[in-house]
Amino acid sequence: MAIDISLFTLPCGVEAIKVIGEDEITREDATLLMSKVDPGGSLYRLPMLVLGQETRRLSLEARNLFSKPPPEGTVRPWCAVVVTSAIVRTSINFMLRVSKVATTRMFLT
């Protein structure tokens, strides 16, 4: 797996998800993450920090999964995405526009 999913506590005391992406994010990686953060998942409604400094590529299938708009009535908590790769940055910008999720922000390093 190219992603590591763990929990940490924010300074305000709220529990949050930390996702560390490495190398290439595949359909399997995206499916695993989305199953945990979508309604019914064990991490649903938790804020998320995605550290993608080591991510070099997102597969087509992963991009498709990440860019799907959330189901009607789904609560999407805040999500911060940290990236360095121009390719990954371009993919994430596209996914954010397509999915229309207003609670996700991207940060460049």
Protein backbone atom coordinates (compact mmCIF):
# COMPACT_ATOMS: atom_id res chain seq x y z
CA MET A 1 0.00 0.00 0.00
CA ALA A 2 1.21 3.48 -0.87
CA ILE A 3 -0.77 5.17 1.89
CA ASP A 4 -0.55 5.06 5.65
CA ILE A 5 -3.70 6.04 7.56
CA SER A 6 -3.44 6.94 11.25
CA LEU A 7 -5.07 9.14 13.87
CA PHE A 8 -3.61 12.08 15.75
CA THR A 9 -4.93 14.79 18.06
CA LEU A 10 -5.11 18.41 16.94
CA PRO A 11 -3.94 21.13 19.37
CA CYS A 12 -7.59 21.92 20.14
CA GLY A 13 -8.10 18.32 21.34
CA VAL A 14 -10.08 17.05 18.33
CA GLU A 15 -9.08 13.70 16.84
CA ALA A 16 -8.08 13.84 13.16
CA ILE A 17 -6.91 11.55 10.37
CA LYS A 18 -3.36 11.68 9.02
CA VAL A 19 -2.81 10.15 5.58
CA ILE A 20 0.75 9.82 4.30
CA GLY A 21 1.03 9.08 0.59
CA GLU A 22 4.12 7.55 -0.98
CA ASP A 23 5.11 6.92 -4.60
CA GLU A 24 1.95 6.11 -6.62
CA ILE A 25 -1.57 6.14 -5.20
CA THR A 26 -3.54 3.29 -6.81
CA ARG A 27 -7.22 2.41 -7.05
CA GLU A 28 -6.81 0.04 -4.10
CA ASP A 29 -5.32 2.81 -1.96
CA ALA A 30 -8.11 5.23 -2.89
CA THR A 31 -10.80 2.59 -2.27
CA LEU A 32 -9.38 1.84 1.19
CA LEU A 33 -9.25 5.52 2.16
CA MET A 34 -12.71 6.35 0.84
CA SER A 35 -14.25 3.30 2.59
CA LYS A 36 -12.96 4.70 5.89
CA VAL A 37 -14.00 8.35 5.41
CA ASP A 38 -17.31 7.92 3.56
CA PRO A 39 -20.62 7.54 5.47
CA GLY A 40 -20.57 4.29 7.43
CA GLY A 41 -16.78 4.28 7.61
CA SER A 42 -14.91 4.23 10.91
CA LEU A 43 -13.34 7.66 10.28
CA TYR A 44 -16.39 9.46 8.85
CA ARG A 45 -16.68 13.16 9.86
CA LEU A 46 -13.10 13.46 11.17
CA PRO A 47 -10.91 16.28 9.80
CA MET A 48 -8.03 15.04 7.65
CA LEU A 49 -4.42 15.99 6.99
CA VAL A 50 -2.98 14.47 3.80
CA LEU A 51 0.81 14.59 3.52
CA GLY A 52 1.66 13.96 -0.10
CA GLN A 53 5.24 15.19 -0.28
CA GLU A 54 6.40 11.70 -1.31
CA THR A 55 3.52 11.09 -3.72
CA ARG A 56 4.71 11.09 -7.31
CA ARG A 57 1.57 10.02 -9.17
CA LEU A 58 -2.16 9.34 -8.81
CA SER A 59 -3.51 6.53 -10.99
CA LEU A 60 -6.49 7.25 -13.24
CA GLU A 61 -8.73 5.04 -11.11
CA ALA A 62 -7.65 6.84 -7.91
CA ARG A 63 -8.31 10.24 -9.52
CA ASN A 64 -11.78 9.06 -10.54
CA LEU A 65 -12.60 7.91 -7.01
CA PHE A 66 -11.30 11.08 -5.37
CA SER A 67 -13.10 13.40 -7.80
CA LYS A 68 -16.59 11.95 -7.32
CA PRO A 69 -18.88 14.49 -5.66
CA PRO A 70 -19.97 13.34 -2.20
CA PRO A 71 -23.43 11.78 -1.94
CA GLU A 72 -26.28 14.15 -1.10
CA GLY A 73 -26.31 14.96 2.61
CA THR A 74 -22.75 13.78 3.21
CA VAL A 75 -20.80 15.85 5.71
CA ARG A 76 -17.28 16.60 4.48
CA PRO A 77 -15.06 17.90 7.29
CA TRP A 78 -12.01 20.05 6.69
CA CYS A 79 -9.14 18.49 4.79
CA ALA A 80 -5.64 19.91 4.28
CA VAL A 81 -3.49 18.45 1.49
CA VAL A 82 0.27 19.13 1.45
CA VAL A 83 2.10 18.37 -1.84
CA THR A 84 5.35 19.13 -3.64
CA SER A 85 4.91 17.43 -7.04
CA ALA A 86 3.57 19.63 -9.85
CA ILE A 87 1.83 16.60 -11.39
CA VAL A 88 0.05 15.74 -8.16
CA ARG A 89 -0.80 19.41 -7.55
CA THR A 90 -2.42 19.65 -10.99
CA SER A 91 -4.40 16.45 -10.40
CA ILE A 92 -5.64 17.64 -7.01
CA ASN A 93 -6.66 21.05 -8.37
CA PHE A 94 -8.70 19.31 -11.07
CA MET A 95 -10.32 16.93 -8.56
CA LEU A 96 -11.25 19.82 -6.26
CA ARG A 97 -12.95 21.68 -9.11
CA VAL A 98 -14.85 18.60 -10.32
CA SER A 99 -15.98 17.38 -6.89
CA LYS A 100 -16.96 20.89 -5.69
CA VAL A 101 -15.86 20.06 -2.13
CA ALA A 102 -15.41 23.44 -0.45
CA THR A 103 -13.80 22.14 2.73
CA THR A 104 -10.50 21.00 1.18
CA ARG A 105 -7.43 23.25 0.93
CA MET A 106 -4.11 22.49 -0.73
CA PHE A 107 -0.74 23.70 0.51
CA LEU A 108 2.53 23.60 -1.44
CA THR A 109 5.95 22.99 0.05
